[in-house]
Amino acid sequence: MLTVRRATMISLLFIWPLLVFGESYGPTSSGDTLWKVADRMRTDANYSTKEMMLAIFLANREAFSNDNINRLKKGQLLQGPSEDELREVSLMNVAEQFQKYSGNSSSAGRVGGGGDDEVALREAEQRSAQLDAENDNLETRYRELQKQMEALQDRSAELKQKLSNFDN
């Protein structure tokens, strides 16, 4: 038991500086996207999130299926790029590099890759249902306000009539 604790403490001593200073990220999970990881690891505003994404990819190519920037694997520990690597990436045509390393995938860098179209479709359907419900609520509220307005107009007409009768 003591040996396990000692080993854990020793590994924390080596891993902790990496986690604290943002030099690594992971292990990746099914909700992670390369964009989110890059945005979290980006500490220098001189580099864009896309530059950081490309630098992370180039520094961790084994963490991506089929050398595809859109296919981040689950369970990977990603090493942050060095300042030199970031500087080198900033000199590249980032859009061209994304095209080069993205293949024909539309999975947008999400962990797992394959079923992301289904997930996106499900999310779009849920959002569509939410918007339909909001639209129904707004239409109901609009009809209620129209009725209130008509009632106020009727009341206004009545008051005008009483006022004109009072003046005569």
N, C-alpha and C. Protein backbone atom coordinates (compact mmCIF):
# COMPACT_ATOMS: atom_id res chain seq x y z
N MET A 1 0.82 -1.19 0.00
CA MET A 1 0.00 0.00 0.00
C MET A 1 0.87 1.26 0.00
N LEU A 2 1.90 1.24 0.82
CA LEU A 2 2.82 2.36 0.89
C LEU A 2 3.53 2.57 -0.44
N THR A 3 3.88 1.48 -1.11
CA THR A 3 4.56 1.56 -2.40
C THR A 3 3.65 2.21 -3.44
N VAL A 4 2.35 1.87 -3.43
CA VAL A 4 1.41 2.46 -4.38
C VAL A 4 1.29 3.96 -4.13
N ARG A 5 1.17 4.35 -2.87
CA ARG A 5 1.08 5.77 -2.54
C ARG A 5 2.34 6.51 -2.96
N ARG A 6 3.47 5.93 -2.69
CA ARG A 6 4.74 6.56 -3.04
C ARG A 6 4.84 6.71 -4.56
N ALA A 7 4.47 5.66 -5.29
CA ALA A 7 4.51 5.72 -6.75
C ALA A 7 3.55 6.78 -7.27
N THR A 8 2.36 6.86 -6.67
CA THR A 8 1.39 7.88 -7.08
C THR A 8 1.93 9.27 -6.81
N MET A 9 2.51 9.48 -5.65
CA MET A 9 3.06 10.79 -5.32
C MET A 9 4.21 11.16 -6.25
N ILE A 10 5.06 10.20 -6.55
CA ILE A 10 6.19 10.46 -7.45
C ILE A 10 5.67 10.82 -8.83
N SER A 11 4.65 10.07 -9.34
CA SER A 11 4.13 10.41 -10.66
C SER A 11 3.45 11.76 -10.65
N LEU A 12 2.77 12.11 -9.55
CA LEU A 12 2.15 13.44 -9.47
C LEU A 12 3.20 14.54 -9.51
N LEU A 13 4.36 14.30 -8.89
CA LEU A 13 5.42 15.28 -8.92
C LEU A 13 5.87 15.59 -10.34
N PHE A 14 5.86 14.56 -11.19
CA PHE A 14 6.29 14.76 -12.58
C PHE A 14 5.16 15.28 -13.45
N ILE A 15 3.94 14.84 -13.19
CA ILE A 15 2.80 15.23 -14.03
C ILE A 15 2.23 16.58 -13.63
N TRP A 16 2.20 16.87 -12.33
CA TRP A 16 1.57 18.10 -11.84
C TRP A 16 2.06 19.37 -12.54
N PRO A 17 3.36 19.58 -12.71
CA PRO A 17 3.80 20.81 -13.40
C PRO A 17 3.23 20.92 -14.81
N LEU A 18 3.08 19.80 -15.49
CA LEU A 18 2.52 19.84 -16.84
C LEU A 18 1.06 20.28 -16.80
N LEU A 19 0.30 19.75 -15.83
CA LEU A 19 -1.11 20.10 -15.74
C LEU A 19 -1.31 21.53 -15.28
N VAL A 20 -0.51 21.97 -14.33
CA VAL A 20 -0.66 23.32 -13.80
C VAL A 20 -0.31 24.37 -14.84
N PHE A 21 0.73 24.19 -15.57
CA PHE A 21 1.17 25.21 -16.50
C PHE A 21 0.57 25.04 -17.89
N GLY A 22 -0.41 24.15 -18.07
CA GLY A 22 -1.10 24.02 -19.34
C GLY A 22 -0.27 23.45 -20.45
N GLU A 23 0.80 22.74 -20.11
CA GLU A 23 1.66 22.19 -21.14
C GLU A 23 1.16 20.86 -21.65
N SER A 24 0.13 20.30 -21.01
CA SER A 24 -0.45 19.07 -21.52
C SER A 24 -1.94 19.09 -21.23
N TYR A 25 -2.64 18.22 -21.89
CA TYR A 25 -4.09 18.12 -21.71
C TYR A 25 -4.47 16.66 -21.85
N GLY A 26 -5.35 16.21 -21.00
CA GLY A 26 -5.83 14.86 -21.17
C GLY A 26 -6.05 14.15 -19.87
N PRO A 27 -6.47 12.94 -19.98
CA PRO A 27 -6.75 12.24 -21.23
C PRO A 27 -8.01 12.80 -21.90
N THR A 28 -8.03 12.77 -23.21
CA THR A 28 -9.17 13.28 -23.97
C THR A 28 -10.38 12.39 -23.73
N SER A 29 -11.55 13.01 -23.78
CA SER A 29 -12.80 12.27 -23.59
C SER A 29 -13.71 12.53 -24.77
N SER A 30 -14.85 11.86 -24.78
CA SER A 30 -15.75 11.93 -25.94
C SER A 30 -16.31 13.33 -26.18
N GLY A 31 -16.32 14.19 -25.18
CA GLY A 31 -16.84 15.54 -25.37
C GLY A 31 -15.80 16.55 -25.82
N ASP A 32 -14.55 16.14 -25.87
CA ASP A 32 -13.48 17.06 -26.25
C ASP A 32 -13.44 17.29 -27.75
N THR A 33 -13.17 18.52 -28.10
CA THR A 33 -12.87 18.85 -29.50
C THR A 33 -11.48 19.48 -29.51
N LEU A 34 -10.82 19.41 -30.64
CA LEU A 34 -9.51 20.01 -30.75
C LEU A 34 -9.61 21.52 -30.51
N TRP A 35 -10.70 22.14 -30.95
CA TRP A 35 -10.90 23.57 -30.74
C TRP A 35 -10.91 23.88 -29.24
N LYS A 36 -11.69 23.10 -28.46
CA LYS A 36 -11.78 23.34 -27.01
C LYS A 36 -10.41 23.16 -26.34
N VAL A 37 -9.72 22.10 -26.72
CA VAL A 37 -8.41 21.82 -26.15
C VAL A 37 -7.45 22.97 -26.47
N ALA A 38 -7.42 23.38 -27.73
CA ALA A 38 -6.52 24.46 -28.15
C ALA A 38 -6.86 25.76 -27.45
N ASP A 39 -8.15 26.03 -27.30
CA ASP A 39 -8.57 27.25 -26.64
C ASP A 39 -8.13 27.26 -25.18
N ARG A 40 -8.19 26.10 -24.52
CA ARG A 40 -7.76 25.99 -23.12
C ARG A 40 -6.25 26.11 -22.99
N MET A 41 -5.52 25.54 -23.94
CA MET A 41 -4.06 25.52 -23.86
C MET A 41 -3.42 26.81 -24.35
N ARG A 42 -4.16 27.61 -25.09
CA ARG A 42 -3.62 28.85 -25.67
C ARG A 42 -3.48 29.90 -24.58
N THR A 43 -2.25 30.25 -24.29
CA THR A 43 -1.98 31.26 -23.25
C THR A 43 -1.42 32.54 -23.85
N ASP A 44 -1.06 32.51 -25.10
CA ASP A 44 -0.46 33.68 -25.75
C ASP A 44 -1.43 34.20 -26.81
N ALA A 45 -1.92 35.41 -26.61
CA ALA A 45 -2.89 36.01 -27.54
C ALA A 45 -2.29 36.30 -28.91
N ASN A 46 -0.99 36.18 -29.05
CA ASN A 46 -0.35 36.40 -30.35
C ASN A 46 -0.64 35.27 -31.33
N TYR A 47 -1.14 34.15 -30.80
CA TYR A 47 -1.44 33.00 -31.65
C TYR A 47 -2.93 32.73 -31.61
N SER A 48 -3.50 32.48 -32.77
CA SER A 48 -4.94 32.21 -32.85
C SER A 48 -5.23 30.79 -32.35
N THR A 49 -6.50 30.54 -32.10
CA THR A 49 -6.91 29.19 -31.68
C THR A 49 -6.61 28.19 -32.80
N LYS A 50 -6.81 28.60 -34.05
CA LYS A 50 -6.53 27.69 -35.16
C LYS A 50 -5.04 27.38 -35.26
N GLU A 51 -4.20 28.37 -35.01
CA GLU A 51 -2.75 28.11 -35.00
C GLU A 51 -2.40 27.14 -33.88
N MET A 52 -3.04 27.33 -32.72
CA MET A 52 -2.79 26.43 -31.60
C MET A 52 -3.27 25.02 -31.94
N MET A 53 -4.42 24.90 -32.60
CA MET A 53 -4.94 23.59 -33.00
C MET A 53 -3.93 22.88 -33.90
N LEU A 54 -3.43 23.59 -34.89
CA LEU A 54 -2.47 23.00 -35.82
C LEU A 54 -1.19 22.61 -35.09
N ALA A 55 -0.72 23.46 -34.20
CA ALA A 55 0.51 23.15 -33.45
C ALA A 55 0.31 21.93 -32.55
N ILE A 56 -0.85 21.82 -31.91
CA ILE A 56 -1.14 20.64 -31.08
C ILE A 56 -1.16 19.40 -31.95
N PHE A 57 -1.82 19.49 -33.09
CA PHE A 57 -1.88 18.35 -34.00
C PHE A 57 -0.47 17.91 -34.43
N LEU A 58 0.34 18.87 -34.86
CA LEU A 58 1.68 18.55 -35.34
C LEU A 58 2.57 17.98 -34.23
N ALA A 59 2.32 18.40 -32.99
CA ALA A 59 3.11 17.90 -31.86
C ALA A 59 2.60 16.55 -31.34
N ASN A 60 1.39 16.16 -31.74
CA ASN A 60 0.76 14.94 -31.20
C ASN A 60 0.07 14.13 -32.29
N ARG A 61 0.71 13.95 -33.41
CA ARG A 61 0.06 13.30 -34.55
C ARG A 61 -0.43 11.89 -34.24
N GLU A 62 0.24 11.22 -33.29
CA GLU A 62 -0.18 9.87 -32.93
C GLU A 62 -1.53 9.88 -32.20
N ALA A 63 -1.98 11.03 -31.73
CA ALA A 63 -3.25 11.14 -31.01
C ALA A 63 -4.44 11.31 -31.95
N PHE A 64 -4.18 11.27 -33.25
CA PHE A 64 -5.23 11.46 -34.25
C PHE A 64 -5.28 10.26 -35.18
N SER A 65 -6.47 9.76 -35.43
CA SER A 65 -6.63 8.61 -36.33
C SER A 65 -6.33 9.02 -37.77
N ASN A 66 -5.63 8.16 -38.47
CA ASN A 66 -5.34 8.35 -39.89
C ASN A 66 -4.67 9.68 -40.21
N ASP A 67 -3.89 10.21 -39.28
CA ASP A 67 -3.19 11.49 -39.48
C ASP A 67 -4.16 12.58 -39.91
N ASN A 68 -5.37 12.56 -39.32
CA ASN A 68 -6.44 13.49 -39.68
C ASN A 68 -6.72 14.41 -38.49
N ILE A 69 -6.59 15.69 -38.70
CA ILE A 69 -6.77 16.68 -37.64
C ILE A 69 -8.17 16.65 -37.06
N ASN A 70 -9.13 16.10 -37.79
CA ASN A 70 -10.52 16.00 -37.34
C ASN A 70 -10.81 14.71 -36.57
N ARG A 71 -9.81 13.88 -36.35
CA ARG A 71 -10.03 12.57 -35.74
C ARG A 71 -9.24 12.40 -34.44
N LEU A 72 -9.50 13.26 -33.47
CA LEU A 72 -8.85 13.17 -32.18
C LEU A 72 -9.32 11.90 -31.47
N LYS A 73 -8.35 11.09 -31.02
CA LYS A 73 -8.67 9.82 -30.35
C LYS A 73 -9.03 10.06 -28.89
N LYS A 74 -9.86 9.21 -28.35
CA LYS A 74 -10.23 9.24 -26.94
C LYS A 74 -9.09 8.67 -26.10
N GLY A 75 -8.87 9.25 -24.91
CA GLY A 75 -7.89 8.73 -23.97
C GLY A 75 -6.46 9.19 -24.21
N GLN A 76 -6.26 10.21 -25.01
CA GLN A 76 -4.91 10.68 -25.34
C GLN A 76 -4.46 11.79 -24.40
N LEU A 77 -3.18 11.79 -24.07
CA LEU A 77 -2.57 12.89 -23.33
C LEU A 77 -1.85 13.75 -24.37
N LEU A 78 -2.33 14.96 -24.56
CA LEU A 78 -1.77 15.84 -25.57
C LEU A 78 -0.72 16.76 -24.96
N GLN A 79 0.45 16.79 -25.57
CA GLN A 79 1.52 17.68 -25.14
C GLN A 79 1.34 19.02 -25.83
N GLY A 80 1.45 20.08 -25.08
CA GLY A 80 1.35 21.41 -25.66
C GLY A 80 2.56 21.71 -26.52
N PRO A 81 2.37 22.48 -27.57
CA PRO A 81 3.50 22.82 -28.44
C PRO A 81 4.45 23.80 -27.74
N SER A 82 5.69 23.74 -28.14
CA SER A 82 6.68 24.68 -27.59
C SER A 82 6.51 26.03 -28.26
N GLU A 83 7.16 27.02 -27.71
CA GLU A 83 7.12 28.37 -28.30
C GLU A 83 7.66 28.34 -29.73
N ASP A 84 8.72 27.58 -29.94
CA ASP A 84 9.30 27.47 -31.29
C ASP A 84 8.31 26.83 -32.26
N GLU A 85 7.62 25.79 -31.80
CA GLU A 85 6.63 25.12 -32.67
C GLU A 85 5.49 26.09 -33.00
N LEU A 86 5.05 26.85 -32.03
CA LEU A 86 3.99 27.83 -32.29
C LEU A 86 4.46 28.90 -33.27
N ARG A 87 5.67 29.37 -33.10
CA ARG A 87 6.22 30.38 -34.00
C ARG A 87 6.29 29.83 -35.43
N GLU A 88 6.72 28.57 -35.54
CA GLU A 88 6.81 27.92 -36.86
C GLU A 88 5.42 27.81 -37.50
N VAL A 89 4.42 27.41 -36.72
CA VAL A 89 3.05 27.28 -37.23
C VAL A 89 2.51 28.64 -37.66
N SER A 90 2.85 29.68 -36.92
CA SER A 90 2.33 31.01 -37.26
C SER A 90 2.84 31.50 -38.62
N LEU A 91 3.93 30.91 -39.09
CA LEU A 91 4.47 31.28 -40.41
C LEU A 91 3.83 30.48 -41.54
N MET A 92 3.07 29.45 -41.18
CA MET A 92 2.44 28.60 -42.19
C MET A 92 1.10 29.19 -42.63
N ASN A 93 0.63 28.72 -43.79
CA ASN A 93 -0.73 29.01 -44.21
C ASN A 93 -1.62 28.01 -43.48
N VAL A 94 -2.23 28.44 -42.39
CA VAL A 94 -2.98 27.54 -41.51
C VAL A 94 -4.14 26.88 -42.26
N ALA A 95 -4.87 27.66 -43.05
CA ALA A 95 -6.02 27.10 -43.79
C ALA A 95 -5.56 25.99 -44.73
N GLU A 96 -4.43 26.20 -45.38
CA GLU A 96 -3.87 25.19 -46.29
C GLU A 96 -3.48 23.92 -45.52
N GLN A 97 -2.89 24.11 -44.35
CA GLN A 97 -2.49 22.96 -43.54
C GLN A 97 -3.71 22.19 -43.03
N PHE A 98 -4.77 22.91 -42.65
CA PHE A 98 -6.00 22.23 -42.22
C PHE A 98 -6.56 21.40 -43.36
N GLN A 99 -6.54 21.96 -44.55
CA GLN A 99 -7.02 21.23 -45.73
C GLN A 99 -6.17 19.98 -45.95
N LYS A 100 -4.88 20.13 -45.80
CA LYS A 100 -3.96 19.02 -46.02
C LYS A 100 -4.21 17.88 -45.04
N TYR A 101 -4.48 18.20 -43.78
CA TYR A 101 -4.61 17.19 -42.74
C TYR A 101 -6.05 16.84 -42.36
N SER A 102 -7.02 17.33 -43.11
CA SER A 102 -8.40 17.05 -42.72
C SER A 102 -9.05 15.96 -43.54
N GLY A 103 -8.49 15.58 -44.65
CA GLY A 103 -9.12 14.54 -45.47
C GLY A 103 -10.50 14.97 -45.91
N ASN A 104 -11.41 14.03 -45.99
CA ASN A 104 -12.78 14.34 -46.40
C ASN A 104 -13.74 14.33 -45.23
N SER A 105 -13.22 14.38 -44.00
CA SER A 105 -14.05 14.26 -42.81
C SER A 105 -14.76 15.57 -42.51
N SER A 106 -15.95 15.45 -41.95
CA SER A 106 -16.67 16.63 -41.51
C SER A 106 -16.91 16.57 -40.01
N SER A 107 -16.07 15.84 -39.30
CA SER A 107 -16.33 15.61 -37.88
C SER A 107 -15.78 16.71 -36.98
N ALA A 108 -15.18 17.75 -37.54
CA ALA A 108 -14.81 18.96 -36.82
C ALA A 108 -13.94 18.75 -35.58
N GLY A 109 -13.05 17.78 -35.60
CA GLY A 109 -12.09 17.62 -34.53
C GLY A 109 -12.62 17.01 -33.26
N ARG A 110 -13.80 16.47 -33.27
CA ARG A 110 -14.37 15.87 -32.07
C ARG A 110 -13.75 14.51 -31.83
N VAL A 111 -13.60 14.15 -30.56
CA VAL A 111 -13.04 12.85 -30.21
C VAL A 111 -13.92 11.76 -30.77
N GLY A 112 -13.31 10.77 -31.37
CA GLY A 112 -14.04 9.62 -31.89
C GLY A 112 -14.29 9.69 -33.36
N GLY A 113 -14.58 10.84 -33.88
CA GLY A 113 -14.76 11.01 -35.31
C GLY A 113 -16.02 10.43 -35.87
N GLY A 114 -16.08 9.12 -36.14
CA GLY A 114 -17.07 8.45 -36.94
C GLY A 114 -18.52 8.83 -36.78
N GLY A 115 -19.11 8.77 -35.59
CA GLY A 115 -20.53 8.98 -35.43
C GLY A 115 -20.92 10.42 -35.20
N ASP A 116 -20.04 11.33 -35.51
CA ASP A 116 -20.30 12.73 -35.21
C ASP A 116 -21.40 13.33 -36.06
N ASP A 117 -21.59 12.83 -37.28
CA ASP A 117 -22.69 13.32 -38.10
C ASP A 117 -24.02 12.99 -37.45
N GLU A 118 -24.11 11.80 -36.86
CA GLU A 118 -25.34 11.39 -36.17
C GLU A 118 -25.56 12.25 -34.94
N VAL A 119 -24.50 12.53 -34.20
CA VAL A 119 -24.60 13.37 -33.02
C VAL A 119 -25.04 14.78 -33.43
N ALA A 120 -24.44 15.30 -34.46
CA ALA A 120 -24.80 16.64 -34.93
C ALA A 120 -26.25 16.68 -35.39
N LEU A 121 -26.68 15.64 -36.07
CA LEU A 121 -28.07 15.57 -36.53
C LEU A 121 -29.02 15.54 -35.33
N ARG A 122 -28.70 14.71 -34.33
CA ARG A 122 -29.53 14.64 -33.12
C ARG A 122 -29.59 16.00 -32.42
N GLU A 123 -28.44 16.66 -32.31
CA GLU A 123 -28.41 17.97 -31.67
C GLU A 123 -29.22 18.99 -32.46
N ALA A 124 -29.13 18.92 -33.78
CA ALA A 124 -29.90 19.84 -34.63
C ALA A 124 -31.39 19.57 -34.49
N GLU A 125 -31.78 18.31 -34.41
CA GLU A 125 -33.19 17.97 -34.25
C GLU A 125 -33.70 18.45 -32.89
N GLN A 126 -32.88 18.30 -31.84
CA GLN A 126 -33.28 18.78 -30.52
C GLN A 126 -33.42 20.30 -30.52
N ARG A 127 -32.47 20.96 -31.15
CA ARG A 127 -32.53 22.43 -31.22
C ARG A 127 -33.74 22.88 -32.03
N SER A 128 -34.04 22.16 -33.09
CA SER A 128 -35.21 22.48 -33.91
C SER A 128 -36.49 22.33 -33.09
N ALA A 129 -36.58 21.27 -32.31
CA ALA A 129 -37.75 21.06 -31.45
C ALA A 129 -37.87 22.18 -30.42
N GLN A 130 -36.73 22.59 -29.85
CA GLN A 130 -36.74 23.70 -28.89
C GLN A 130 -37.23 24.98 -29.55
N LEU A 131 -36.73 25.25 -30.74
CA LEU A 131 -37.13 26.46 -31.45
C LEU A 131 -38.61 26.41 -31.82
N ASP A 132 -39.12 25.24 -32.21
CA ASP A 132 -40.54 25.09 -32.51
C ASP A 132 -41.38 25.39 -31.27
N ALA A 133 -40.95 24.86 -30.11
CA ALA A 133 -41.68 25.11 -28.86
C ALA A 133 -41.64 26.60 -28.51
N GLU A 134 -40.47 27.23 -28.67
CA GLU A 134 -40.37 28.67 -28.41
C GLU A 134 -41.26 29.46 -29.35
N ASN A 135 -41.30 29.04 -30.62
CA ASN A 135 -42.15 29.70 -31.60
C ASN A 135 -43.62 29.59 -31.21
N ASP A 136 -44.05 28.39 -30.77
CA ASP A 136 -45.43 28.19 -30.32
C ASP A 136 -45.75 29.09 -29.14
N ASN A 137 -44.82 29.18 -28.19
CA ASN A 137 -45.02 30.05 -27.02
C ASN A 137 -45.14 31.51 -27.43
N LEU A 138 -44.31 31.93 -28.37
CA LEU A 138 -44.36 33.32 -28.84
C LEU A 138 -45.66 33.61 -29.58
N GLU A 139 -46.12 32.66 -30.38
CA GLU A 139 -47.40 32.86 -31.08
C GLU A 139 -48.56 32.96 -30.09
N THR A 140 -48.54 32.11 -29.07
CA THR A 140 -49.58 32.16 -28.04
C THR A 140 -49.54 33.50 -27.32
N ARG A 141 -48.36 33.95 -26.97
CA ARG A 141 -48.20 35.24 -26.29
C ARG A 141 -48.66 36.39 -27.20
N TYR A 142 -48.36 36.30 -28.49
CA TYR A 142 -48.77 37.31 -29.45
C TYR A 142 -50.29 37.41 -29.52
N ARG A 143 -50.97 36.26 -29.57
CA ARG A 143 -52.45 36.25 -29.60
C ARG A 143 -53.02 36.85 -28.32
N GLU A 144 -52.42 36.52 -27.17
CA GLU A 144 -52.87 37.08 -25.90
C GLU A 144 -52.72 38.61 -25.89
N LEU A 145 -51.58 39.08 -26.37
CA LEU A 145 -51.34 40.53 -26.42
C LEU A 145 -52.29 41.22 -27.39
N GLN A 146 -52.60 40.55 -28.50
CA GLN A 146 -53.57 41.12 -29.45
C GLN A 146 -54.94 41.27 -28.80
N LYS A 147 -55.37 40.24 -28.05
CA LYS A 147 -56.65 40.31 -27.34
C LYS A 147 -56.64 41.44 -26.32
N GLN A 148 -55.54 41.56 -25.58
CA GLN A 148 -55.43 42.65 -24.61
C GLN A 148 -55.50 44.01 -25.28
N MET A 149 -54.82 44.12 -26.43
CA MET A 149 -54.82 45.38 -27.16
C MET A 149 -56.23 45.71 -27.65
N GLU A 150 -56.94 44.71 -28.18
CA GLU A 150 -58.31 44.93 -28.64
C GLU A 150 -59.21 45.37 -27.48
N ALA A 151 -59.03 44.71 -26.32
CA ALA A 151 -59.82 45.08 -25.14
C ALA A 151 -59.51 46.52 -24.72
N LEU A 152 -58.23 46.90 -24.77
CA LEU A 152 -57.85 48.27 -24.42
C LEU A 152 -58.40 49.28 -25.43
N GLN A 153 -58.40 48.91 -26.69
CA GLN A 153 -58.95 49.80 -27.72
C GLN A 153 -60.46 49.97 -27.51
N ASP A 154 -61.15 48.87 -27.18
CA ASP A 154 -62.58 48.95 -26.90
C ASP A 154 -62.84 49.86 -25.69
N ARG A 155 -62.04 49.67 -24.64
CA ARG A 155 -62.18 50.49 -23.44
C ARG A 155 -61.90 51.95 -23.74
N SER A 156 -60.89 52.20 -24.57
CA SER A 156 -60.55 53.57 -24.96
C SER A 156 -61.72 54.19 -25.73
N ALA A 157 -62.32 53.42 -26.64
CA ALA A 157 -63.47 53.94 -27.41
C ALA A 157 -64.64 54.25 -26.48
N GLU A 158 -64.86 53.38 -25.49
CA GLU A 158 -65.94 53.61 -24.51
C GLU A 158 -65.69 54.90 -23.73
N LEU A 159 -64.44 55.07 -23.28
CA LEU A 159 -64.11 56.26 -22.51
C LEU A 159 -64.24 57.53 -23.36
N LYS A 160 -63.84 57.44 -24.60
CA LYS A 160 -63.99 58.59 -25.50
C LYS A 160 -65.47 58.94 -25.68
N GLN A 161 -66.30 57.91 -25.82
CA GLN A 161 -67.74 58.11 -25.98
C GLN A 161 -68.31 58.77 -24.73
N LYS A 162 -67.93 58.29 -23.54
CA LYS A 162 -68.40 58.88 -22.29
C LYS A 162 -67.94 60.31 -22.16
N LEU A 163 -66.71 60.58 -22.57
CA LEU A 163 -66.16 61.92 -22.49
C LEU A 163 -66.92 62.86 -23.42
N SER A 164 -67.21 62.38 -24.63
CA SER A 164 -67.95 63.23 -25.57
C SER A 164 -69.39 63.43 -25.07
N ASN A 165 -70.00 62.41 -24.43
CA ASN A 165 -71.34 62.57 -23.86
C ASN A 165 -71.31 63.55 -22.70
N PHE A 166 -70.24 63.52 -21.93
CA PHE A 166 -70.08 64.41 -20.78
C PHE A 166 -69.94 65.85 -21.22
N ASP A 167 -69.20 66.07 -22.31
CA ASP A 167 -68.99 67.44 -22.83
C ASP A 167 -70.28 68.02 -23.38
N ASN A 168 -71.20 67.21 -23.86
CA ASN A 168 -72.44 67.71 -24.47
C ASN A 168 -73.42 68.00 -23.42
